[in-house]
């Protein structure tokens, strides 16, 4: 039944399915049995990369989507060796809260003792010690607590800088960059600064490919969605109807066109998306057939009118 192919994550990362299932504010909104059925179906399709994280913060309502994931995979009968776990680590309180302690908490909540992939959260400060950060990551790698690591929405310069420090610390460095990438948000992944990093082996993991569901037609999302670099979300909302029409003209759904577009980037190793039903998962996975039928050039041609952050967001990144 497996249909989802795999690609290597960077030069030193694992072989991962080109579709990855995220969990941000997903499983705690689903019926448990429905979530188990969806994750089981994802595994049967060949999806082997699951992204979870501790998404609750002080002063915010608690969330348990990562805790639920550990129960979901057990109920779905998916052995730990059969899937790759991607975990987020946050930098706002680092180094006062060490990566080791944060990872231990994340792994405890996810019911495992190792992360195959760690994604470092956004840099939101000017005093982050990248030398120390690279050394701490190298230690976690050498102890087998993490397999590989990447970054989320970093600038190209910061990626290049920490890679140099990582190599000095005995680590291969970041294997992927998780970047917002959709028909409307393209400036950073399609820009020159990241193009040189991709040419050197860094892989791309597109995220927010449907802008929290907006580009799939949910223009008034009921759940929390990602931040809005460049303040272009109003333009994205206006673009949703046109994107849907373009998708229908090509015999696809809007969601499939978004995922196909992300898959078409030559540096993409795996596209990250959330799904809250088996039907939605199957529809998104249909993007593979859409891309195969249309080809990358036609997909990019279809979405060209909807590029909202061109000339607004610096290609260098945050």
C-alpha atoms as a PDB file:
ATOM      1  CA  UNK A   1       0.000   0.000   0.000  1.00  0.00           C
ATOM      2  CA  UNK A   2       3.029   2.287   0.495  1.00  0.00           C
ATOM      3  CA  UNK A   3       3.044   5.120  -2.059  1.00  0.00           C
ATOM      4  CA  UNK A   4       5.030   7.959  -0.474  1.00  0.00           C
ATOM      5  CA  UNK A   5       8.687   7.929  -1.604  1.00  0.00           C
ATOM      6  CA  UNK A   6      11.644   8.857   0.591  1.00  0.00           C
ATOM      7  CA  UNK A   7      14.510  11.288   0.273  1.00  0.00           C
ATOM      8  CA  UNK A   8      17.614  11.752   2.377  1.00  0.00           C
ATOM      9  CA  UNK A   9      17.592  14.708   4.769  1.00  0.00           C
ATOM     10  CA  UNK A  10      20.801  16.514   3.900  1.00  0.00           C
ATOM     11  CA  UNK A  11      24.129  14.702   3.482  1.00  0.00           C
ATOM     12  CA  UNK A  12      24.075  13.139   6.958  1.00  0.00           C
ATOM     13  CA  UNK A  13      20.394  12.787   7.874  1.00  0.00           C
ATOM     14  CA  UNK A  14      18.045   9.810   7.629  1.00  0.00           C
ATOM     15  CA  UNK A  15      15.856   8.692   4.740  1.00  0.00           C
ATOM     16  CA  UNK A  16      12.482  10.302   5.351  1.00  0.00           C
ATOM     17  CA  UNK A  17       9.147  10.252   3.585  1.00  0.00           C
ATOM     18  CA  UNK A  18       8.664  13.284   1.320  1.00  0.00           C
ATOM     19  CA  UNK A  19       5.479  13.976   3.277  1.00  0.00           C
ATOM     20  CA  UNK A  20       5.749  14.567   7.043  1.00  0.00           C
ATOM     21  CA  UNK A  21       2.818  14.771   9.421  1.00  0.00           C
ATOM     22  CA  UNK A  22       2.858  17.616  11.936  1.00  0.00           C
ATOM     23  CA  UNK A  23       0.991  17.873  15.212  1.00  0.00           C
ATOM     24  CA  UNK A  24       0.818  21.572  16.078  1.00  0.00           C
ATOM     25  CA  UNK A  25      -2.619  22.059  17.704  1.00  0.00           C
ATOM     26  CA  UNK A  26      -3.897  18.989  15.846  1.00  0.00           C
ATOM     27  CA  UNK A  27      -4.341  15.884  18.003  1.00  0.00           C
ATOM     28  CA  UNK A  28      -5.825  17.766  20.956  1.00  0.00           C
ATOM     29  CA  UNK A  29      -8.650  18.862  18.618  1.00  0.00           C
ATOM     30  CA  UNK A  30      -9.408  15.370  17.283  1.00  0.00           C
ATOM     31  CA  UNK A  31     -11.372  12.396  18.485  1.00  0.00           C
ATOM     32  CA  UNK A  32      -8.750   9.913  19.689  1.00  0.00           C
ATOM     33  CA  UNK A  33      -9.995   7.027  17.543  1.00  0.00           C
ATOM     34  CA  UNK A  34     -10.017   9.256  14.462  1.00  0.00           C
ATOM     35  CA  UNK A  35      -6.441  10.363  15.187  1.00  0.00           C
ATOM     36  CA  UNK A  36      -5.307   6.746  15.549  1.00  0.00           C
ATOM     37  CA  UNK A  37      -6.952   5.809  12.251  1.00  0.00           C
ATOM     38  CA  UNK A  38      -5.358   8.779  10.480  1.00  0.00           C
ATOM     39  CA  UNK A  39      -1.841   8.116  11.771  1.00  0.00           C
ATOM     40  CA  UNK A  40      -2.178   4.408  10.968  1.00  0.00           C
ATOM     41  CA  UNK A  41      -3.244   5.284   7.431  1.00  0.00           C
ATOM     42  CA  UNK A  42      -0.345   7.719   7.094  1.00  0.00           C
ATOM     43  CA  UNK A  43       2.094   4.964   8.048  1.00  0.00           C
ATOM     44  CA  UNK A  44       0.437   2.574   5.596  1.00  0.00           C
ATOM     45  CA  UNK A  45       0.908   5.169   2.843  1.00  0.00           C
ATOM     46  CA  UNK A  46       4.612   5.289   3.637  1.00  0.00           C
ATOM     47  CA  UNK A  47       4.779   8.393   5.861  1.00  0.00           C
ATOM     48  CA  UNK A  48       7.541   7.740   8.391  1.00  0.00           C
ATOM     49  CA  UNK A  49       8.343  11.245   9.701  1.00  0.00           C
ATOM     50  CA  UNK A  50       6.205  12.723  12.486  1.00  0.00           C
ATOM     51  CA  UNK A  51       6.847  16.183  13.913  1.00  0.00           C
ATOM     52  CA  UNK A  52       5.866  16.848  17.540  1.00  0.00           C
ATOM     53  CA  UNK A  53       6.864  19.399  20.132  1.00  0.00           C
ATOM     54  CA  UNK A  54       6.056  20.906  23.506  1.00  0.00           C
ATOM     55  CA  UNK A  55       3.879  23.777  22.347  1.00  0.00           C
ATOM     56  CA  UNK A  56       2.622  25.051  25.699  1.00  0.00           C
ATOM     57  CA  UNK A  57       4.184  28.136  27.297  1.00  0.00           C
ATOM     58  CA  UNK A  58       3.843  29.779  30.734  1.00  0.00           C
ATOM     59  CA  UNK A  59       0.677  31.811  31.002  1.00  0.00           C
ATOM     60  CA  UNK A  60      -0.929  29.943  28.087  1.00  0.00           C
ATOM     61  CA  UNK A  61      -3.501  27.138  28.324  1.00  0.00           C
ATOM     62  CA  UNK A  62      -1.787  23.738  28.482  1.00  0.00           C
ATOM     63  CA  UNK A  63      -1.722  21.607  25.347  1.00  0.00           C
ATOM     64  CA  UNK A  64      -1.166  17.875  25.105  1.00  0.00           C
ATOM     65  CA  UNK A  65      -0.832  17.147  21.401  1.00  0.00           C
ATOM     66  CA  UNK A  66       2.648  15.648  21.876  1.00  0.00           C
ATOM     67  CA  UNK A  67       1.516  13.496  24.806  1.00  0.00           C
ATOM     68  CA  UNK A  68      -1.426  12.298  22.740  1.00  0.00           C
ATOM     69  CA  UNK A  69       0.930  11.413  19.885  1.00  0.00           C
ATOM     70  CA  UNK A  70       2.732   8.877  22.092  1.00  0.00           C
ATOM     71  CA  UNK A  71      -0.586   7.155  22.810  1.00  0.00           C
ATOM     72  CA  UNK A  72      -1.714   7.413  19.187  1.00  0.00           C
ATOM     73  CA  UNK A  73       1.298   5.593  17.729  1.00  0.00           C
ATOM     74  CA  UNK A  74       0.968   2.840  20.334  1.00  0.00           C
ATOM     75  CA  UNK A  75      -2.729   2.415  19.617  1.00  0.00           C
ATOM     76  CA  UNK A  76      -1.983   2.446  15.883  1.00  0.00           C
ATOM     77  CA  UNK A  77       0.502  -0.390  16.349  1.00  0.00           C
ATOM     78  CA  UNK A  78       3.475   1.502  14.902  1.00  0.00           C
ATOM     79  CA  UNK A  79       6.735   0.299  16.519  1.00  0.00           C
ATOM     80  CA  UNK A  80       9.255   2.988  17.402  1.00  0.00           C
ATOM     81  CA  UNK A  81      11.878   1.704  14.907  1.00  0.00           C
ATOM     82  CA  UNK A  82       9.330   2.156  12.099  1.00  0.00           C
ATOM     83  CA  UNK A  83       9.039   5.939  12.323  1.00  0.00           C
ATOM     84  CA  UNK A  84      11.218   9.013  12.654  1.00  0.00           C
ATOM     85  CA  UNK A  85      10.437  11.497  15.423  1.00  0.00           C
ATOM     86  CA  UNK A  86      11.125  15.190  14.897  1.00  0.00           C
ATOM     87  CA  UNK A  87      11.123  17.352  18.031  1.00  0.00           C
ATOM     88  CA  UNK A  88      11.231  21.144  18.444  1.00  0.00           C
ATOM     89  CA  UNK A  89      13.646  22.805  20.869  1.00  0.00           C
ATOM     90  CA  UNK A  90      13.127  26.464  21.750  1.00  0.00           C
ATOM     91  CA  UNK A  91      15.797  29.127  22.225  1.00  0.00           C
ATOM     92  CA  UNK A  92      14.012  31.873  24.159  1.00  0.00           C
ATOM     93  CA  UNK A  93      15.236  30.583  27.557  1.00  0.00           C
ATOM     94  CA  UNK A  94      18.528  29.031  26.396  1.00  0.00           C
ATOM     95  CA  UNK A  95      21.062  28.492  27.993  1.00  0.00           C
ATOM     96  CA  UNK A  96      19.318  29.007  31.364  1.00  0.00           C
ATOM     97  CA  UNK A  97      17.129  26.106  30.287  1.00  0.00           C
ATOM     98  CA  UNK A  98      19.581  23.719  28.697  1.00  0.00           C
ATOM     99  CA  UNK A  99      18.901  21.858  25.470  1.00  0.00           C
ATOM    100  CA  UNK A 100      19.447  18.623  27.390  1.00  0.00           C
ATOM    101  CA  UNK A 101      16.729  19.396  29.954  1.00  0.00           C
ATOM    102  CA  UNK A 102      14.334  20.633  27.302  1.00  0.00           C
ATOM    103  CA  UNK A 103      14.935  17.541  25.172  1.00  0.00           C
ATOM    104  CA  UNK A 104      14.428  15.247  28.165  1.00  0.00           C
ATOM    105  CA  UNK A 105      11.055  16.877  28.827  1.00  0.00           C
ATOM    106  CA  UNK A 106      10.026  16.615  25.177  1.00  0.00           C
ATOM    107  CA  UNK A 107      11.049  12.959  24.943  1.00  0.00           C
ATOM    108  CA  UNK A 108       9.296  12.108  28.218  1.00  0.00           C
ATOM    109  CA  UNK A 109       6.083  13.648  26.903  1.00  0.00           C
ATOM    110  CA  UNK A 110       6.453  11.814  23.581  1.00  0.00           C
ATOM    111  CA  UNK A 111       7.149   8.503  25.305  1.00  0.00           C
ATOM    112  CA  UNK A 112      10.574   7.770  23.833  1.00  0.00           C
ATOM    113  CA  UNK A 113      14.271   8.133  24.625  1.00  0.00           C
ATOM    114  CA  UNK A 114      15.618   9.549  21.358  1.00  0.00           C
ATOM    115  CA  UNK A 115      14.784  12.121  18.708  1.00  0.00           C
ATOM    116  CA  UNK A 116      15.738  11.249  15.150  1.00  0.00           C
ATOM    117  CA  UNK A 117      15.585  14.918  14.235  1.00  0.00           C
ATOM    118  CA  UNK A 118      15.639  18.099  16.304  1.00  0.00           C
ATOM    119  CA  UNK A 119      14.492  21.453  14.932  1.00  0.00           C
ATOM    120  CA  UNK A 120      15.733  24.586  16.687  1.00  0.00           C
ATOM    121  CA  UNK A 121      13.051  27.250  16.989  1.00  0.00           C
ATOM    122  CA  UNK A 122      13.209  30.804  15.672  1.00  0.00           C
ATOM    123  CA  UNK A 123      15.962  33.149  16.835  1.00  0.00           C
ATOM    124  CA  UNK A 124      14.168  36.011  18.587  1.00  0.00           C
ATOM    125  CA  UNK A 125      17.152  37.587  20.364  1.00  0.00           C
ATOM    126  CA  UNK A 126      20.471  39.207  19.525  1.00  0.00           C
ATOM    127  CA  UNK A 127      22.646  37.608  22.225  1.00  0.00           C
ATOM    128  CA  UNK A 128      22.319  33.934  21.267  1.00  0.00           C
ATOM    129  CA  UNK A 129      25.656  32.132  21.724  1.00  0.00           C
ATOM    130  CA  UNK A 130      25.924  30.055  18.560  1.00  0.00           C
ATOM    131  CA  UNK A 131      29.287  28.574  19.574  1.00  0.00           C
ATOM    132  CA  UNK A 132      27.825  27.171  22.786  1.00  0.00           C
ATOM    133  CA  UNK A 133      24.670  26.068  20.993  1.00  0.00           C
ATOM    134  CA  UNK A 134      26.652  24.145  18.384  1.00  0.00           C
ATOM    135  CA  UNK A 135      28.728  22.470  21.100  1.00  0.00           C
ATOM    136  CA  UNK A 136      25.654  21.417  23.061  1.00  0.00           C
ATOM    137  CA  UNK A 137      24.089  19.913  19.943  1.00  0.00           C
ATOM    138  CA  UNK A 138      27.295  18.038  19.148  1.00  0.00           C
ATOM    139  CA  UNK A 139      27.214  16.496  22.636  1.00  0.00           C
ATOM    140  CA  UNK A 140      23.617  15.344  22.226  1.00  0.00           C
ATOM    141  CA  UNK A 141      24.504  13.828  18.850  1.00  0.00           C
ATOM    142  CA  UNK A 142      27.546  12.021  20.201  1.00  0.00           C
ATOM    143  CA  UNK A 143      25.469  10.534  23.033  1.00  0.00           C
ATOM    144  CA  UNK A 144      22.836   9.291  20.589  1.00  0.00           C
ATOM    145  CA  UNK A 145      20.037  11.375  22.096  1.00  0.00           C
ATOM    146  CA  UNK A 146      19.464  13.052  18.723  1.00  0.00           C
ATOM    147  CA  UNK A 147      20.204  11.829  15.234  1.00  0.00           C
ATOM    148  CA  UNK A 148      20.362  15.008  13.154  1.00  0.00           C
ATOM    149  CA  UNK A 149      19.260  18.592  13.611  1.00  0.00           C
ATOM    150  CA  UNK A 150      17.978  21.554  11.662  1.00  0.00           C
ATOM    151  CA  UNK A 151      16.658  25.058  12.154  1.00  0.00           C
ATOM    152  CA  UNK A 152      13.296  26.802  11.844  1.00  0.00           C
ATOM    153  CA  UNK A 153      13.048  30.147  10.000  1.00  0.00           C
ATOM    154  CA  UNK A 154      16.649  31.213  10.633  1.00  0.00           C
ATOM    155  CA  UNK A 155      18.493  33.681   8.456  1.00  0.00           C
ATOM    156  CA  UNK A 156      20.854  32.224   5.885  1.00  0.00           C
ATOM    157  CA  UNK A 157      23.764  33.943   7.633  1.00  0.00           C
ATOM    158  CA  UNK A 158      22.890  32.360  10.990  1.00  0.00           C
ATOM    159  CA  UNK A 159      22.691  28.920   9.363  1.00  0.00           C
ATOM    160  CA  UNK A 160      26.082  29.358   7.749  1.00  0.00           C
ATOM    161  CA  UNK A 161      27.577  30.632  11.011  1.00  0.00           C
ATOM    162  CA  UNK A 162      26.343  27.792  13.213  1.00  0.00           C
ATOM    163  CA  UNK A 163      27.383  25.253  10.600  1.00  0.00           C
ATOM    164  CA  UNK A 164      30.965  26.482  10.916  1.00  0.00           C
ATOM    165  CA  UNK A 165      30.840  26.243  14.720  1.00  0.00           C
ATOM    166  CA  UNK A 166      29.234  22.794  14.517  1.00  0.00           C
ATOM    167  CA  UNK A 167      31.970  21.440  12.282  1.00  0.00           C
ATOM    168  CA  UNK A 168      34.565  22.698  14.763  1.00  0.00           C
ATOM    169  CA  UNK A 169      32.664  20.885  17.541  1.00  0.00           C
ATOM    170  CA  UNK A 170      32.648  17.601  15.617  1.00  0.00           C
ATOM    171  CA  UNK A 171      29.053  17.771  14.385  1.00  0.00           C
ATOM    172  CA  UNK A 172      27.964  17.617  10.722  1.00  0.00           C
ATOM    173  CA  UNK A 173      25.877  20.713  11.424  1.00  0.00           C
ATOM    174  CA  UNK A 174      22.322  21.494  10.356  1.00  0.00           C
ATOM    175  CA  UNK A 175      20.900  19.118   7.778  1.00  0.00           C
ATOM    176  CA  UNK A 176      17.742  21.044   6.954  1.00  0.00           C
ATOM    177  CA  UNK A 177      16.034  24.381   7.244  1.00  0.00           C
ATOM    178  CA  UNK A 178      12.335  24.347   8.045  1.00  0.00           C
ATOM    179  CA  UNK A 179      11.022  27.434   6.233  1.00  0.00           C
ATOM    180  CA  UNK A 180       7.604  28.886   5.498  1.00  0.00           C
ATOM    181  CA  UNK A 181       7.035  28.055   1.834  1.00  0.00           C
ATOM    182  CA  UNK A 182       3.831  28.265  -0.142  1.00  0.00           C
ATOM    183  CA  UNK A 183       2.539  29.737  -3.397  1.00  0.00           C
ATOM    184  CA  UNK A 184       2.264  33.026  -1.469  1.00  0.00           C
ATOM    185  CA  UNK A 185       5.407  32.906   0.716  1.00  0.00           C
ATOM    186  CA  UNK A 186       8.406  32.255  -1.494  1.00  0.00           C
ATOM    187  CA  UNK A 187      10.957  35.024  -1.010  1.00  0.00           C
ATOM    188  CA  UNK A 188      13.246  33.221   1.429  1.00  0.00           C
ATOM    189  CA  UNK A 189      13.373  29.632   0.059  1.00  0.00           C
ATOM    190  CA  UNK A 190      13.489  30.918  -3.540  1.00  0.00           C
ATOM    191  CA  UNK A 191      16.029  33.643  -2.760  1.00  0.00           C
ATOM    192  CA  UNK A 192      19.748  33.786  -3.419  1.00  0.00           C
ATOM    193  CA  UNK A 193      21.102  33.509   0.166  1.00  0.00           C
ATOM    194  CA  UNK A 194      19.427  30.166   0.761  1.00  0.00           C
ATOM    195  CA  UNK A 195      20.080  28.976  -2.792  1.00  0.00           C
ATOM    196  CA  UNK A 196      23.802  28.869  -2.013  1.00  0.00           C
ATOM    197  CA  UNK A 197      23.163  26.858   1.150  1.00  0.00           C
ATOM    198  CA  UNK A 198      20.954  24.405  -0.732  1.00  0.00           C
ATOM    199  CA  UNK A 199      23.687  24.026  -3.347  1.00  0.00           C
ATOM    200  CA  UNK A 200      26.057  23.033  -0.528  1.00  0.00           C
ATOM    201  CA  UNK A 201      23.761  20.232   0.664  1.00  0.00           C
ATOM    202  CA  UNK A 202      21.360  21.848   3.134  1.00  0.00           C
ATOM    203  CA  UNK A 203      17.858  20.433   2.642  1.00  0.00           C
ATOM    204  CA  UNK A 204      14.565  22.312   2.744  1.00  0.00           C
ATOM    205  CA  UNK A 205      11.551  21.277   4.804  1.00  0.00           C
ATOM    206  CA  UNK A 206       8.657  23.474   3.645  1.00  0.00           C
ATOM    207  CA  UNK A 207       6.173  24.311   6.398  1.00  0.00           C
ATOM    208  CA  UNK A 208       3.011  26.432   6.577  1.00  0.00           C
ATOM    209  CA  UNK A 209       2.397  25.317   3.003  1.00  0.00           C
ATOM    210  CA  UNK A 210      -1.318  26.151   3.297  1.00  0.00           C
ATOM    211  CA  UNK A 211      -0.960  29.156   5.656  1.00  0.00           C
ATOM    212  CA  UNK A 212      -2.853  27.424   8.437  1.00  0.00           C
ATOM    213  CA  UNK A 213      -5.535  26.221   6.044  1.00  0.00           C
ATOM    214  CA  UNK A 214      -6.218  29.612   4.459  1.00  0.00           C
ATOM    215  CA  UNK A 215      -4.934  28.545   1.057  1.00  0.00           C
ATOM    216  CA  UNK A 216      -7.040  25.383   1.283  1.00  0.00           C
ATOM    217  CA  UNK A 217     -10.125  27.589   1.519  1.00  0.00           C
ATOM    218  CA  UNK A 218     -10.421  28.072   5.311  1.00  0.00           C
ATOM    219  CA  UNK A 219     -10.043  31.851   5.178  1.00  0.00           C
ATOM    220  CA  UNK A 220     -11.207  32.315   8.777  1.00  0.00           C
ATOM    221  CA  UNK A 221      -9.199  29.632  10.623  1.00  0.00           C
ATOM    222  CA  UNK A 222     -10.479  28.627  14.048  1.00  0.00           C
ATOM    223  CA  UNK A 223      -7.128  27.447  15.403  1.00  0.00           C
ATOM    224  CA  UNK A 224      -3.851  29.233  16.130  1.00  0.00           C
ATOM    225  CA  UNK A 225      -1.699  29.611  13.020  1.00  0.00           C
ATOM    226  CA  UNK A 226       1.876  30.751  12.446  1.00  0.00           C
ATOM    227  CA  UNK A 227       3.238  34.268  12.533  1.00  0.00           C
ATOM    228  CA  UNK A 228       2.969  36.598   9.536  1.00  0.00           C
ATOM    229  CA  UNK A 229       6.384  37.824   8.303  1.00  0.00           C
ATOM    230  CA  UNK A 230       5.977  40.920   6.167  1.00  0.00           C
ATOM    231  CA  UNK A 231       2.340  41.378   7.187  1.00  0.00           C
ATOM    232  CA  UNK A 232       1.107  39.762   3.967  1.00  0.00           C
ATOM    233  CA  UNK A 233      -1.655  37.582   5.383  1.00  0.00           C
ATOM    234  CA  UNK A 234      -4.455  39.877   4.130  1.00  0.00           C
ATOM    235  CA  UNK A 235      -3.031  39.447   0.620  1.00  0.00           C
ATOM    236  CA  UNK A 236      -2.897  35.695   1.154  1.00  0.00           C
ATOM    237  CA  UNK A 237      -6.528  35.607   2.205  1.00  0.00           C
ATOM    238  CA  UNK A 238      -7.450  37.513  -0.950  1.00  0.00           C
ATOM    239  CA  UNK A 239      -5.371  35.083  -3.041  1.00  0.00           C
ATOM    240  CA  UNK A 240      -7.078  31.961  -1.704  1.00  0.00           C
ATOM    241  CA  UNK A 241     -10.039  32.050  -4.097  1.00  0.00           C
ATOM    242  CA  UNK A 242      -7.819  32.516  -7.154  1.00  0.00           C
ATOM    243  CA  UNK A 243      -5.520  29.734  -6.055  1.00  0.00           C
ATOM    244  CA  UNK A 244      -8.497  27.430  -5.635  1.00  0.00           C
ATOM    245  CA  UNK A 245      -9.688  28.260  -9.144  1.00  0.00           C
ATOM    246  CA  UNK A 246      -6.202  27.619 -10.564  1.00  0.00           C
ATOM    247  CA  UNK A 247      -6.099  24.256  -8.822  1.00  0.00           C
ATOM    248  CA  UNK A 248      -9.507  23.240 -10.160  1.00  0.00           C
ATOM    249  CA  UNK A 249      -8.445  24.202 -13.673  1.00  0.00           C
ATOM    250  CA  UNK A 250      -5.639  21.658 -13.331  1.00  0.00           C
ATOM    251  CA  UNK A 251      -7.830  18.929 -11.875  1.00  0.00           C
ATOM    252  CA  UNK A 252      -6.479  19.334  -8.340  1.00  0.00           C
ATOM    253  CA  UNK A 253      -7.569  20.678  -4.982  1.00  0.00           C
ATOM    254  CA  UNK A 254      -6.007  23.834  -3.570  1.00  0.00           C
ATOM    255  CA  UNK A 255      -4.301  21.795  -0.844  1.00  0.00           C
ATOM    256  CA  UNK A 256      -2.797  19.445  -3.429  1.00  0.00           C
ATOM    257  CA  UNK A 257      -1.491  22.370  -5.464  1.00  0.00           C
ATOM    258  CA  UNK A 258       0.155  23.869  -2.360  1.00  0.00           C
ATOM    259  CA  UNK A 259       1.852  20.599  -1.412  1.00  0.00           C
ATOM    260  CA  UNK A 260       2.871  19.911  -5.021  1.00  0.00           C
ATOM    261  CA  UNK A 261       4.425  23.381  -5.215  1.00  0.00           C
ATOM    262  CA  UNK A 262       6.459  22.719  -2.055  1.00  0.00           C
ATOM    263  CA  UNK A 263       7.547  19.300  -3.343  1.00  0.00           C
ATOM    264  CA  UNK A 264       8.701  20.882  -6.599  1.00  0.00           C
ATOM    265  CA  UNK A 265      11.497  22.883  -4.941  1.00  0.00           C
ATOM    266  CA  UNK A 266      14.732  21.078  -5.843  1.00  0.00           C
ATOM    267  CA  UNK A 267      16.049  21.259  -2.265  1.00  0.00           C
ATOM    268  CA  UNK A 268      12.906  19.830  -0.639  1.00  0.00           C
ATOM    269  CA  UNK A 269      13.493  16.667   1.344  1.00  0.00           C
ATOM    270  CA  UNK A 270      10.103  16.459   3.069  1.00  0.00           C
ATOM    271  CA  UNK A 271       7.005  18.671   3.190  1.00  0.00           C
ATOM    272  CA  UNK A 272       5.498  19.235   6.635  1.00  0.00           C
ATOM    273  CA  UNK A 273       1.739  19.631   6.973  1.00  0.00           C
ATOM    274  CA  UNK A 274      -0.972  18.991   9.517  1.00  0.00           C
ATOM    275  CA  UNK A 275      -4.120  16.984   8.876  1.00  0.00           C
ATOM    276  CA  UNK A 276      -7.107  16.585  11.168  1.00  0.00           C
ATOM    277  CA  UNK A 277      -8.859  13.748   9.321  1.00  0.00           C
ATOM    278  CA  UNK A 278      -7.960  10.753   7.205  1.00  0.00           C
ATOM    279  CA  UNK A 279      -9.795  12.352   4.285  1.00  0.00           C
ATOM    280  CA  UNK A 280      -7.615  15.451   4.539  1.00  0.00           C
ATOM    281  CA  UNK A 281      -4.466  13.314   4.754  1.00  0.00           C
ATOM    282  CA  UNK A 282      -5.447  11.376   1.621  1.00  0.00           C
ATOM    283  CA  UNK A 283      -6.243  14.583  -0.252  1.00  0.00           C
ATOM    284  CA  UNK A 284      -2.880  16.114   0.670  1.00  0.00           C
ATOM    285  CA  UNK A 285      -1.032  12.944  -0.319  1.00  0.00           C
ATOM    286  CA  UNK A 286      -2.702  13.229  -3.721  1.00  0.00           C
ATOM    287  CA  UNK A 287      -0.258  16.063  -4.394  1.00  0.00           C
ATOM    288  CA  UNK A 288       2.295  13.438  -5.406  1.00  0.00           C
ATOM    289  CA  UNK A 289       0.140  12.373  -8.336  1.00  0.00           C
ATOM    290  CA  UNK A 290      -0.619  16.003  -9.214  1.00  0.00           C
ATOM    291  CA  UNK A 291       3.074  16.854  -9.373  1.00  0.00           C
ATOM    292  CA  UNK A 292       3.814  13.751 -11.415  1.00  0.00           C
ATOM    293  CA  UNK A 293       1.023  14.595 -13.874  1.00  0.00           C
ATOM    294  CA  UNK A 294       1.668  18.337 -14.250  1.00  0.00           C
ATOM    295  CA  UNK A 295       5.421  18.543 -13.691  1.00  0.00           C
ATOM    296  CA  UNK A 296       7.244  21.158 -11.599  1.00  0.00           C
ATOM    297  CA  UNK A 297       7.280  23.870 -14.274  1.00  0.00           C
ATOM    298  CA  UNK A 298       3.501  23.778 -14.798  1.00  0.00           C
ATOM    299  CA  UNK A 299       2.861  23.785 -11.046  1.00  0.00           C
ATOM    300  CA  UNK A 300       5.017  26.864 -10.587  1.00  0.00           C
ATOM    301  CA  UNK A 301       3.345  28.538 -13.556  1.00  0.00           C
ATOM    302  CA  UNK A 302      -0.101  27.974 -12.029  1.00  0.00           C
ATOM    303  CA  UNK A 303       0.814  29.605  -8.712  1.00  0.00           C
ATOM    304  CA  UNK A 304       2.950  32.465 -10.049  1.00  0.00           C
ATOM    305  CA  UNK A 305       0.192  35.137  -9.727  1.00  0.00           C
ATOM    306  CA  UNK A 306      -0.184  34.495  -6.002  1.00  0.00           C
ATOM    307  CA  UNK A 307       3.343  35.310  -4.765  1.00  0.00           C
ATOM    308  CA  UNK A 308       2.451  37.733  -1.945  1.00  0.00           C
ATOM    309  CA  UNK A 309       5.785  38.383  -0.207  1.00  0.00           C
ATOM    310  CA  UNK A 310       7.848  39.195  -3.309  1.00  0.00           C
ATOM    311  CA  UNK A 311       9.763  42.408  -2.617  1.00  0.00           C
ATOM    312  CA  UNK A 312       8.322  42.550   0.910  1.00  0.00           C
ATOM    313  CA  UNK A 313      10.310  39.906   2.836  1.00  0.00           C
ATOM    314  CA  UNK A 314      14.127  39.946   2.726  1.00  0.00           C
ATOM    315  CA  UNK A 315      15.379  36.711   1.057  1.00  0.00           C
ATOM    316  CA  UNK A 316      18.128  36.577   3.696  1.00  0.00           C
ATOM    317  CA  UNK A 317      15.494  35.528   6.229  1.00  0.00           C
ATOM    318  CA  UNK A 318      14.747  36.578   9.778  1.00  0.00           C
END
